[in-house]
Amino acid sequence: MSDKKWFIKLYRSPRGYYMYSVNRDTVTHLSEGIYNYLDSDGKTILTDDEKMTILRLQEDGYLSSKKMEKIKHPDTDRLIDSINNRMEHLVLQVTQACNLTCSYCPYANKTNGMLQRNHSNKCMSFETAKQAVDMFLEHSGERTKNVISFYGGEPLISFELIKKIVDYVKSTFIGKDYNFNMTTNATLFTKEMMDFVVANNFNLVFSIDGPEKIHNKNRTRIDGSGSFSAAFGNLKQFLNRYGDEYSRHISINMVFDPQNDVDEMLQLFDDPIFDKDINVMADVADDVHLEKSIKENSSYIEKMTYQYFMGYLNFLQIVDDLKIPPFMKTTFNAMERECALLKKGSPGLSDIGAPGGPCIPGQRSIFVNVDGELFPCEKVSEISAAMKIGTLDEGIDYIQAEKLLNIARLTASKCADCWAASHCVICSRFADLNGELSADQKNKYCYKTLNYFSNLIKEYILIQECKTIYTR
């Protein structure tokens, strides 16, 4: 709870009592007496030692009642300068065509063009691509490293265009450090393409959702046939050809359908290719732009919880030689970084601030679609006027970018009162309703932040307690 006297959130475990201080952004271990005192809003009796502890916590800002007085993103005043001079990542939609119709894909005619565009045969022209690259070069002058990503549809449909763009980047980004990224379903991946991406040092993300039965259930071709054989076959061919020297450039992205059986999904990792050091990412399918929400069934939750338990045993080195899914390593590495920041804490809340969800639209990344329209990233709806931040011809709409940066102004009072605001995961795409920014729509997703951050705190407490029990 976040109470009236103190801006805090209290936790208890079977082994201890804890407080998350919003102002110090860190977790503190408490005695039972102090926990009960804080939980009762100061109505229980303290010992003299506990009174001294409360006094120290107040003096050090852990029991401050301070909240942000004004919601304004700290990058607001330097937004234009950041976009004009420190653009980091250009994402080029080289085609809107795809040879697959994945069940969870909002482009695959799943929303009738109401929430997101449909697949189409439109491809980016080389002139549009050159214009986008020139804009990126112009707006990244203070960046020493730049990233250019190719996106679709399935980007390899426009492989000849990708080759031209790569050559053009090489001829224009002279003296600058850059690299290329691409996400692909791998079904069209030829030996020529493999040689090209390796020669140009691409970072590659392959979309593989599980073994053949699982993958083919959701990732089908236009005629309804499965895509696993081609996708996984090409991936294995690529890894066998370049994997040992190139594995650090390769990631596999698994999209989980929580109606599938977890044990069956994980059979993918029985293949010997996963003996190589390949980064594997996994998450439940995103339903933000789908008409029907994606629900996790009880079996999925139980079995995935067990996998997390095994991941903890491995992470804490409690049991040796455990076989865990590769994506658990990625998950726990990310959690470890988050917990390190939580342990470090902060000096305190500022008078003016904002929840942590939004990046700087157009600076962190800029997504250019086939028509030369500009968006903050590839995850937003391309048919929403609220998400569009300009065009290549007309330039960047800084006013709209500022609105997206300060999306929390829609719910300023609620955000200022939220104990998890500093760790918010909500950006503007969660507030998009029929092409307008909506407070009610944004509020529907507050549970994402509350669940995410509360679980992180519980994981932090669990890890700290386990380290006091299981030591080597």
Protein backbone atom coordinates (compact mmCIF):
# COMPACT_ATOMS: atom_id res chain seq x y z
CA MET A 1 0.00 0.00 0.00
CA SER A 2 1.00 3.59 -0.51
CA ASP A 3 -0.12 5.31 2.67
CA LYS A 4 -0.92 8.86 3.72
CA LYS A 5 2.13 9.59 5.84
CA TRP A 6 4.80 7.96 3.74
CA PHE A 7 5.19 7.28 0.04
CA ILE A 8 6.08 3.61 0.42
CA LYS A 9 5.01 0.09 -0.44
CA LEU A 10 5.29 -2.67 2.19
CA TYR A 11 6.17 -6.32 1.56
CA ARG A 12 6.53 -9.35 3.76
CA SER A 13 7.95 -12.76 3.04
CA PRO A 14 8.07 -15.95 5.14
CA ARG A 15 11.51 -14.80 6.30
CA GLY A 16 11.26 -11.04 6.66
CA TYR A 17 9.66 -7.62 6.37
CA TYR A 18 10.47 -5.02 3.74
CA MET A 19 9.69 -1.53 2.52
CA TYR A 20 10.02 -0.07 -0.95
CA SER A 21 10.69 3.64 -0.61
CA VAL A 22 9.39 5.51 -3.64
CA ASN A 23 11.58 8.52 -2.92
CA ARG A 24 14.77 6.49 -2.57
CA ASP A 25 13.75 3.90 -5.19
CA THR A 26 15.15 1.05 -3.16
CA VAL A 27 14.09 -1.81 -0.88
CA THR A 28 14.94 -1.79 2.84
CA HIS A 29 14.76 -4.67 5.31
CA LEU A 30 12.63 -3.88 8.38
CA SER A 31 12.04 -5.37 11.80
CA GLU A 32 8.58 -6.78 12.48
CA GLY A 33 7.84 -3.93 14.88
CA ILE A 34 8.69 -1.21 12.38
CA TYR A 35 6.78 -3.02 9.63
CA ASN A 36 3.69 -3.15 11.84
CA TYR A 37 4.13 0.53 12.74
CA LEU A 38 4.26 1.57 9.09
CA ASP A 39 1.47 -0.80 8.12
CA SER A 40 -0.80 0.67 10.79
CA ASP A 41 -0.10 4.25 9.72
CA GLY A 42 1.92 4.86 12.89
CA LYS A 43 -0.66 3.53 15.34
CA THR A 44 1.40 0.80 17.04
CA ILE A 45 3.86 1.31 19.90
CA LEU A 46 7.60 1.34 19.14
CA THR A 47 10.55 0.51 21.33
CA ASP A 48 13.18 3.20 21.88
CA ASP A 49 15.50 1.51 19.37
CA GLU A 50 12.73 1.32 16.81
CA LYS A 51 11.94 5.00 17.30
CA MET A 52 15.59 5.81 16.54
CA THR A 53 15.42 3.66 13.40
CA ILE A 54 12.26 5.46 12.25
CA LEU A 55 13.99 8.80 12.84
CA ARG A 56 16.99 7.74 10.73
CA LEU A 57 14.73 6.50 7.94
CA GLN A 58 12.96 9.86 7.95
CA GLU A 59 16.20 11.85 7.98
CA ASP A 60 17.61 9.81 5.10
CA GLY A 61 14.48 10.30 3.00
CA TYR A 62 13.21 6.71 3.06
CA LEU A 63 9.98 7.75 4.78
CA SER A 64 9.40 10.91 2.81
CA SER A 65 5.85 11.74 1.75
CA LYS A 66 7.11 13.78 -1.20
CA LYS A 67 5.45 13.26 -4.58
CA MET A 68 6.08 14.84 -7.96
CA GLU A 69 4.36 18.22 -8.07
CA LYS A 70 4.34 18.51 -11.86
CA ILE A 71 4.31 15.82 -14.53
CA LYS A 72 6.78 16.74 -17.23
CA HIS A 73 9.27 14.41 -18.87
CA PRO A 74 12.84 15.47 -18.00
CA ASP A 75 13.84 15.41 -21.69
CA THR A 76 11.05 17.75 -22.79
CA ASP A 77 13.13 20.94 -23.02
CA ARG A 78 15.88 19.22 -25.02
CA LEU A 79 13.55 17.15 -27.20
CA ILE A 80 14.23 19.04 -30.44
CA ASP A 81 17.98 19.09 -29.88
CA SER A 82 18.00 15.37 -29.10
CA ILE A 83 16.04 14.47 -32.23
CA ASN A 84 18.07 16.78 -34.45
CA ASN A 85 21.50 15.70 -33.24
CA ARG A 86 21.40 12.37 -31.40
CA MET A 87 19.12 10.07 -33.36
CA GLU A 88 20.18 6.50 -32.56
CA HIS A 89 18.22 3.99 -34.59
CA LEU A 90 16.63 4.08 -38.03
CA VAL A 91 14.04 1.37 -38.75
CA LEU A 92 13.14 1.01 -42.43
CA GLN A 93 9.95 -0.76 -43.44
CA VAL A 94 11.28 -2.07 -46.71
CA THR A 95 8.02 -3.92 -47.44
CA GLN A 96 4.52 -4.41 -46.08
CA ALA A 97 4.32 -7.81 -47.76
CA CYS A 98 4.78 -11.08 -45.94
CA ASN A 99 4.70 -14.71 -47.05
CA LEU A 100 3.26 -15.80 -43.68
CA THR A 101 -0.05 -15.07 -41.93
CA CYS A 102 0.83 -15.60 -38.26
CA SER A 103 -2.16 -15.97 -35.95
CA TYR A 104 -1.03 -13.25 -33.53
CA CYS A 105 0.16 -10.79 -36.18
CA PRO A 106 -1.97 -7.62 -36.29
CA TYR A 107 -0.90 -7.03 -39.91
CA ALA A 108 -2.29 -10.38 -41.08
CA ASN A 109 -5.85 -9.10 -41.62
CA LYS A 110 -6.67 -9.63 -37.96
CA THR A 111 -8.13 -6.20 -37.22
CA ASN A 112 -9.72 -5.36 -40.58
CA GLY A 113 -7.55 -2.27 -40.75
CA MET A 114 -9.15 -0.82 -37.60
CA LEU A 115 -6.28 -1.17 -35.13
CA GLN A 116 -3.31 -1.65 -37.44
CA ARG A 117 -2.61 -1.75 -41.16
CA ASN A 118 -3.10 -4.97 -43.09
CA HIS A 119 -0.44 -6.78 -45.07
CA SER A 120 -0.09 -5.28 -48.54
CA ASN A 121 2.17 -5.65 -51.56
CA LYS A 122 3.65 -2.18 -51.06
CA CYS A 123 7.43 -1.92 -50.93
CA MET A 124 9.67 1.02 -50.15
CA SER A 125 11.29 2.73 -53.12
CA PHE A 126 15.03 3.26 -53.18
CA GLU A 127 14.42 7.02 -53.37
CA THR A 128 12.43 6.91 -50.12
CA ALA A 129 15.10 4.77 -48.51
CA LYS A 130 17.85 7.20 -49.56
CA GLN A 131 15.82 10.10 -48.20
CA ALA A 132 15.42 8.28 -44.88
CA VAL A 133 19.13 7.46 -44.65
CA ASP A 134 20.03 11.09 -45.45
CA MET A 135 17.68 12.31 -42.72
CA PHE A 136 19.21 9.83 -40.27
CA LEU A 137 22.74 10.96 -41.11
CA GLU A 138 21.75 14.60 -40.71
CA HIS A 139 20.07 14.00 -37.34
CA SER A 140 22.72 11.76 -35.79
CA GLY A 141 25.71 14.10 -35.92
CA GLU A 142 26.54 13.76 -32.21
CA ARG A 143 26.15 9.98 -32.16
CA THR A 144 29.29 7.90 -32.54
CA LYS A 145 27.37 4.66 -33.18
CA ASN A 146 24.27 4.28 -35.36
CA VAL A 147 21.93 1.38 -36.06
CA ILE A 148 19.94 0.77 -39.25
CA SER A 149 17.29 -1.97 -39.08
CA PHE A 150 15.26 -3.60 -41.83
CA TYR A 151 11.65 -4.40 -41.06
CA GLY A 152 8.56 -5.70 -42.83
CA GLY A 153 6.38 -7.61 -43.46
CA GLU A 154 9.17 -10.01 -44.22
CA PRO A 155 12.18 -7.83 -45.12
CA LEU A 156 13.89 -10.48 -47.26
CA ILE A 157 11.11 -10.03 -49.83
CA SER A 158 12.91 -6.75 -50.56
CA PHE A 159 16.42 -8.20 -50.49
CA GLU A 160 17.56 -6.35 -53.62
CA LEU A 161 16.50 -3.07 -52.01
CA ILE A 162 18.32 -3.97 -48.79
CA LYS A 163 21.52 -4.52 -50.78
CA LYS A 164 21.20 -1.07 -52.37
CA ILE A 165 20.54 0.58 -49.00
CA VAL A 166 23.57 -1.09 -47.43
CA ASP A 167 25.78 0.14 -50.26
CA TYR A 168 24.32 3.64 -49.89
CA VAL A 169 24.92 3.68 -46.12
CA LYS A 170 28.52 2.63 -46.70
CA SER A 171 29.00 5.48 -49.14
CA THR A 172 27.45 8.14 -46.90
CA PHE A 173 28.30 7.13 -43.31
CA ILE A 174 32.03 7.50 -43.95
CA GLY A 175 33.99 7.73 -40.72
CA LYS A 176 30.97 6.76 -38.59
CA ASP A 177 30.40 3.54 -36.69
CA TYR A 178 27.19 1.79 -37.69
CA ASN A 179 25.66 -1.66 -37.84
CA PHE A 180 22.70 -3.35 -39.50
CA ASN A 181 19.88 -5.31 -37.87
CA MET A 182 17.16 -7.46 -39.35
CA THR A 183 14.32 -9.62 -38.05
CA THR A 184 13.30 -12.41 -40.41
CA ASN A 185 11.03 -15.45 -40.51
CA ALA A 186 13.96 -17.19 -42.29
CA THR A 187 11.77 -19.01 -44.84
CA LEU A 188 13.30 -17.08 -47.76
CA PHE A 189 16.88 -17.16 -46.51
CA THR A 190 19.14 -18.24 -49.40
CA LYS A 191 22.88 -18.90 -49.38
CA GLU A 192 23.40 -15.60 -51.23
CA MET A 193 21.52 -13.77 -48.48
CA MET A 194 23.47 -15.60 -45.78
CA ASP A 195 26.79 -14.59 -47.32
CA PHE A 196 25.62 -11.00 -47.70
CA VAL A 197 24.48 -10.47 -44.11
CA VAL A 198 27.69 -12.01 -42.75
CA ALA A 199 29.85 -9.91 -45.06
CA ASN A 200 28.07 -6.81 -43.79
CA ASN A 201 28.08 -7.78 -40.12
CA PHE A 202 24.30 -7.90 -39.65
CA ASN A 203 22.74 -8.65 -36.28
CA LEU A 204 19.94 -11.11 -37.01
CA VAL A 205 16.78 -12.07 -35.15
CA PHE A 206 15.08 -15.26 -36.30
CA SER A 207 11.42 -15.87 -35.46
CA ILE A 208 10.98 -19.47 -34.28
CA ASP A 209 8.08 -20.22 -31.94
CA GLY A 210 8.82 -23.82 -31.00
CA PRO A 211 9.17 -27.27 -32.55
CA GLU A 212 7.33 -28.12 -35.75
CA LYS A 213 3.88 -28.80 -34.26
CA ILE A 214 3.85 -25.60 -32.19
CA HIS A 215 5.50 -23.36 -34.79
CA ASN A 216 3.18 -24.51 -37.58
CA LYS A 217 0.07 -23.91 -35.50
CA ASN A 218 0.60 -20.14 -35.47
CA ARG A 219 3.14 -19.36 -38.18
CA THR A 220 1.48 -20.49 -41.40
CA ARG A 221 1.93 -19.59 -45.03
CA ILE A 222 -0.79 -17.81 -46.97
CA ASP A 223 -2.09 -21.21 -48.20
CA GLY A 224 -2.35 -22.47 -44.61
CA SER A 225 0.68 -24.77 -44.72
CA GLY A 226 3.30 -24.68 -41.99
CA SER A 227 6.57 -22.76 -42.23
CA PHE A 228 8.75 -24.62 -39.72
CA SER A 229 10.62 -26.86 -42.13
CA ALA A 230 11.87 -23.95 -44.25
CA ALA A 231 12.47 -21.56 -41.34
CA PHE A 232 14.31 -23.94 -39.02
CA GLY A 233 16.09 -25.66 -41.89
CA ASN A 234 17.52 -22.35 -43.12
CA LEU A 235 18.44 -21.32 -39.59
CA LYS A 236 20.33 -24.58 -39.04
CA GLN A 237 22.05 -24.22 -42.40
CA PHE A 238 23.12 -20.71 -41.48
CA LEU A 239 24.37 -21.76 -38.04
CA ASN A 240 26.24 -24.75 -39.43
CA ARG A 241 27.87 -22.49 -41.98
CA TYR A 242 28.65 -19.47 -39.80
CA GLY A 243 27.49 -20.22 -36.26
CA ASP A 244 30.77 -20.74 -34.45
CA GLU A 245 32.21 -17.42 -35.58
CA TYR A 246 28.92 -15.55 -35.89
CA SER A 247 26.75 -16.75 -33.00
CA ARG A 248 27.13 -13.51 -31.04
CA HIS A 249 25.28 -11.73 -33.88
CA ILE A 250 22.32 -14.14 -33.78
CA SER A 251 19.18 -14.12 -31.65
CA ILE A 252 16.07 -16.26 -31.75
CA ASN A 253 12.76 -14.67 -30.81
CA MET A 254 10.03 -16.98 -29.54
CA VAL A 255 6.47 -15.70 -29.36
CA PHE A 256 4.48 -17.82 -26.92
CA ASP A 257 0.87 -18.67 -27.52
CA PRO A 258 -0.21 -19.41 -23.92
CA GLN A 259 -2.82 -21.87 -25.18
CA ASN A 260 -0.01 -24.20 -26.24
CA ASP A 261 1.62 -26.75 -23.98
CA VAL A 262 4.83 -25.42 -22.43
CA ASP A 263 6.55 -28.84 -22.41
CA GLU A 264 5.92 -29.20 -26.13
CA MET A 265 7.20 -25.68 -26.83
CA LEU A 266 10.43 -26.38 -24.98
CA GLN A 267 11.17 -29.49 -27.05
CA LEU A 268 12.66 -27.07 -29.58
CA PHE A 269 15.75 -26.82 -27.41
CA ASP A 270 16.50 -30.54 -27.70
CA ASP A 271 18.06 -29.77 -31.08
CA PRO A 272 21.90 -29.76 -31.02
CA ILE A 273 22.07 -26.27 -32.53
CA PHE A 274 21.25 -24.88 -29.10
CA ASP A 275 24.58 -26.20 -27.84
CA LYS A 276 25.94 -23.07 -29.52
CA ASP A 277 25.91 -19.80 -27.59
CA ILE A 278 22.79 -18.25 -29.12
CA ASN A 279 20.74 -15.56 -27.44
CA VAL A 280 17.09 -16.65 -27.12
CA MET A 281 14.32 -14.19 -26.26
CA ALA A 282 10.75 -15.16 -25.44
CA ASP A 283 7.50 -13.48 -24.50
CA VAL A 284 3.76 -13.93 -24.75
CA ALA A 285 2.23 -12.60 -27.97
CA ASP A 286 1.40 -8.89 -27.86
CA ASP A 287 -2.36 -8.29 -28.12
CA VAL A 288 -2.37 -4.46 -28.04
CA HIS A 289 -3.45 -4.27 -31.70
CA LEU A 290 -5.56 -7.43 -31.77
CA GLU A 291 -9.33 -7.50 -31.49
CA LYS A 292 -9.25 -10.39 -29.00
CA SER A 293 -7.01 -10.41 -25.96
CA ILE A 294 -4.59 -13.29 -25.45
CA LYS A 295 -5.27 -15.21 -22.24
CA GLU A 296 -2.87 -17.45 -20.33
CA ASN A 297 -4.46 -20.75 -19.28
CA SER A 298 -3.76 -22.35 -15.90
CA SER A 299 -1.55 -25.08 -17.35
CA TYR A 300 0.65 -22.51 -19.09
CA ILE A 301 1.03 -20.50 -15.88
CA GLU A 302 1.85 -23.58 -13.77
CA LYS A 303 4.41 -24.99 -16.15
CA MET A 304 6.06 -21.65 -16.86
CA THR A 305 6.25 -20.99 -13.10
CA TYR A 306 8.10 -24.28 -12.74
CA GLN A 307 10.56 -23.20 -15.44
CA TYR A 308 11.15 -19.97 -13.55
CA PHE A 309 11.77 -22.01 -10.39
CA MET A 310 14.40 -24.04 -12.24
CA GLY A 311 15.82 -20.77 -13.55
CA TYR A 312 16.21 -19.50 -9.97
CA LEU A 313 18.00 -22.68 -8.91
CA ASN A 314 20.41 -22.19 -11.79
CA PHE A 315 20.82 -18.43 -11.27
CA LEU A 316 21.57 -18.84 -7.56
CA GLN A 317 23.85 -21.83 -8.26
CA ILE A 318 21.91 -23.95 -5.81
CA VAL A 319 21.85 -26.99 -8.12
CA ASP A 320 24.60 -27.79 -10.59
CA ASP A 321 24.16 -28.82 -14.23
CA LEU A 322 20.49 -27.92 -14.49
CA LYS A 323 19.06 -27.86 -17.99
CA ILE A 324 17.03 -24.69 -18.35
CA PRO A 325 15.55 -23.12 -21.49
CA PRO A 326 18.00 -20.69 -23.11
CA PHE A 327 15.52 -17.80 -22.85
CA MET A 328 15.68 -18.12 -19.04
CA LYS A 329 19.31 -16.99 -19.17
CA THR A 330 18.27 -13.85 -21.06
CA THR A 331 15.41 -13.26 -18.63
CA PHE A 332 17.56 -13.62 -15.52
CA ASN A 333 20.36 -11.47 -16.93
CA ALA A 334 17.83 -8.67 -17.49
CA MET A 335 16.38 -9.17 -14.00
CA GLU A 336 19.85 -9.03 -12.47
CA ARG A 337 20.49 -5.64 -14.11
CA GLU A 338 17.14 -4.31 -12.85
CA CYS A 339 17.80 -5.57 -9.33
CA ALA A 340 21.23 -3.92 -9.31
CA LEU A 341 19.60 -0.57 -10.04
CA LEU A 342 17.01 -1.21 -7.34
CA LYS A 343 19.75 -1.95 -4.84
CA LYS A 344 21.61 1.23 -5.79
CA GLY A 345 18.53 3.44 -5.34
CA SER A 346 18.32 7.18 -5.99
CA PRO A 347 18.76 10.45 -4.04
CA GLY A 348 15.02 11.19 -4.13
CA LEU A 349 12.09 12.32 -6.25
CA SER A 350 12.33 15.65 -8.04
CA ASP A 351 9.55 18.22 -7.97
CA ILE A 352 9.10 17.87 -11.72
CA GLY A 353 9.24 14.47 -13.36
CA ALA A 354 7.37 11.75 -15.21
CA PRO A 355 6.80 8.00 -15.16
CA GLY A 356 9.50 5.92 -16.77
CA GLY A 357 7.62 4.46 -19.76
CA PRO A 358 8.23 6.70 -22.80
CA CYS A 359 11.48 6.98 -24.72
CA ILE A 360 12.23 10.15 -26.68
CA PRO A 361 10.11 9.75 -29.85
CA GLY A 362 12.29 10.11 -32.91
CA GLN A 363 15.56 10.07 -30.99
CA ARG A 364 15.75 6.61 -29.44
CA SER A 365 14.42 5.24 -32.71
CA ILE A 366 12.55 6.47 -35.75
CA PHE A 367 10.45 4.15 -37.88
CA VAL A 368 9.94 5.02 -41.56
CA ASN A 369 7.19 3.15 -43.37
CA VAL A 370 7.05 2.40 -47.09
CA ASP A 371 5.36 5.75 -47.78
CA GLY A 372 7.94 7.81 -45.92
CA GLU A 373 5.75 8.44 -42.86
CA LEU A 374 7.55 8.74 -39.53
CA PHE A 375 6.65 6.98 -36.27
CA PRO A 376 8.47 6.61 -32.94
CA CYS A 377 8.96 2.86 -33.43
CA GLU A 378 7.65 -0.18 -35.30
CA LYS A 379 5.34 -1.26 -32.45
CA VAL A 380 2.82 1.57 -32.79
CA SER A 381 -0.20 1.58 -35.08
CA GLU A 382 0.64 2.88 -38.55
CA ILE A 383 -2.95 3.95 -39.19
CA SER A 384 -3.14 6.16 -36.08
CA ALA A 385 -2.82 9.92 -36.51
CA ALA A 386 -1.76 10.14 -32.87
CA MET A 387 1.30 7.96 -33.47
CA LYS A 388 2.56 9.72 -36.59
CA ILE A 389 5.40 12.19 -35.92
CA GLY A 390 5.97 13.54 -39.42
CA THR A 391 6.97 12.58 -42.94
CA LEU A 392 10.23 12.56 -44.85
CA ASP A 393 8.95 15.36 -47.08
CA GLU A 394 7.53 17.60 -44.35
CA GLY A 395 10.00 16.77 -41.59
CA ILE A 396 9.48 15.83 -37.96
CA ASP A 397 6.40 17.03 -36.09
CA TYR A 398 8.05 18.09 -32.84
CA ILE A 399 4.74 19.12 -31.27
CA GLN A 400 3.33 15.61 -31.72
CA ALA A 401 6.59 14.05 -30.54
CA GLU A 402 6.36 16.14 -27.37
CA LYS A 403 2.81 14.91 -26.77
CA LEU A 404 3.95 11.30 -27.01
CA LEU A 405 6.92 11.99 -24.73
CA ASN A 406 4.58 13.46 -22.13
CA ILE A 407 1.89 10.82 -22.39
CA ALA A 408 1.64 10.81 -18.57
CA ARG A 409 -0.01 14.25 -18.67
CA LEU A 410 -3.20 12.42 -19.67
CA THR A 411 -3.29 10.93 -16.18
CA ALA A 412 -1.07 13.36 -14.28
CA SER A 413 -2.74 13.11 -10.87
CA LYS A 414 -2.88 9.31 -10.95
CA CYS A 415 0.75 9.05 -12.10
CA ALA A 416 1.96 11.38 -9.34
CA ASP A 417 0.23 9.18 -6.76
CA CYS A 418 1.49 5.90 -8.23
CA TRP A 419 4.15 4.17 -6.13
CA ALA A 420 5.47 2.35 -9.23
CA ALA A 421 5.67 5.38 -11.53
CA SER A 422 9.47 5.47 -11.77
CA HIS A 423 9.39 1.98 -13.25
CA CYS A 424 6.42 2.50 -15.55
CA VAL A 425 6.41 0.41 -18.73
CA ILE A 426 3.55 2.27 -20.43
CA CYS A 427 4.33 4.34 -23.52
CA SER A 428 2.05 6.18 -25.92
CA ARG A 429 0.97 3.13 -27.89
CA PHE A 430 -0.99 1.94 -24.84
CA ALA A 431 -2.97 5.22 -24.85
CA ASP A 432 -3.91 5.08 -28.54
CA LEU A 433 -7.66 4.75 -29.07
CA ASN A 434 -9.03 5.21 -32.59
CA GLY A 435 -6.23 7.58 -33.54
CA GLU A 436 -6.42 9.73 -30.41
CA LEU A 437 -4.60 9.73 -27.10
CA SER A 438 -7.00 8.56 -24.40
CA ALA A 439 -6.60 8.66 -20.62
CA ASP A 440 -9.14 5.87 -20.19
CA GLN A 441 -7.28 3.67 -22.66
CA LYS A 442 -3.97 4.34 -20.92
CA ASN A 443 -5.47 3.50 -17.53
CA LYS A 444 -6.46 0.06 -18.80
CA TYR A 445 -2.79 -0.90 -18.94
CA CYS A 446 -1.67 0.37 -15.53
CA TYR A 447 -1.75 -3.21 -14.30
CA LYS A 448 1.23 -3.94 -16.56
CA THR A 449 3.46 -1.60 -14.56
CA LEU A 450 2.06 -2.58 -11.17
CA ASN A 451 2.46 -6.30 -11.87
CA TYR A 452 5.87 -5.93 -13.46
CA PHE A 453 7.41 -3.78 -10.74
CA SER A 454 5.79 -5.57 -7.81
CA ASN A 455 7.11 -8.87 -9.17
CA LEU A 456 10.56 -7.34 -9.59
CA ILE A 457 10.59 -6.28 -5.93
CA LYS A 458 9.51 -9.77 -4.87
CA GLU A 459 12.26 -11.27 -7.02
CA TYR A 460 14.78 -8.89 -5.47
CA ILE A 461 13.71 -9.91 -1.96
CA LEU A 462 13.79 -13.60 -2.89
CA ILE A 463 17.30 -13.32 -4.29
CA GLN A 464 18.61 -11.45 -1.25
CA GLU A 465 17.11 -13.99 1.13
CA CYS A 466 18.36 -16.96 -0.86
CA LYS A 467 21.87 -15.54 -0.87
CA THR A 468 21.85 -15.58 2.94
CA ILE A 469 20.83 -19.26 2.95
CA TYR A 470 22.59 -20.78 -0.04
CA THR A 471 26.19 -19.63 -0.12
CA ARG A 472 29.26 -21.30 -1.58
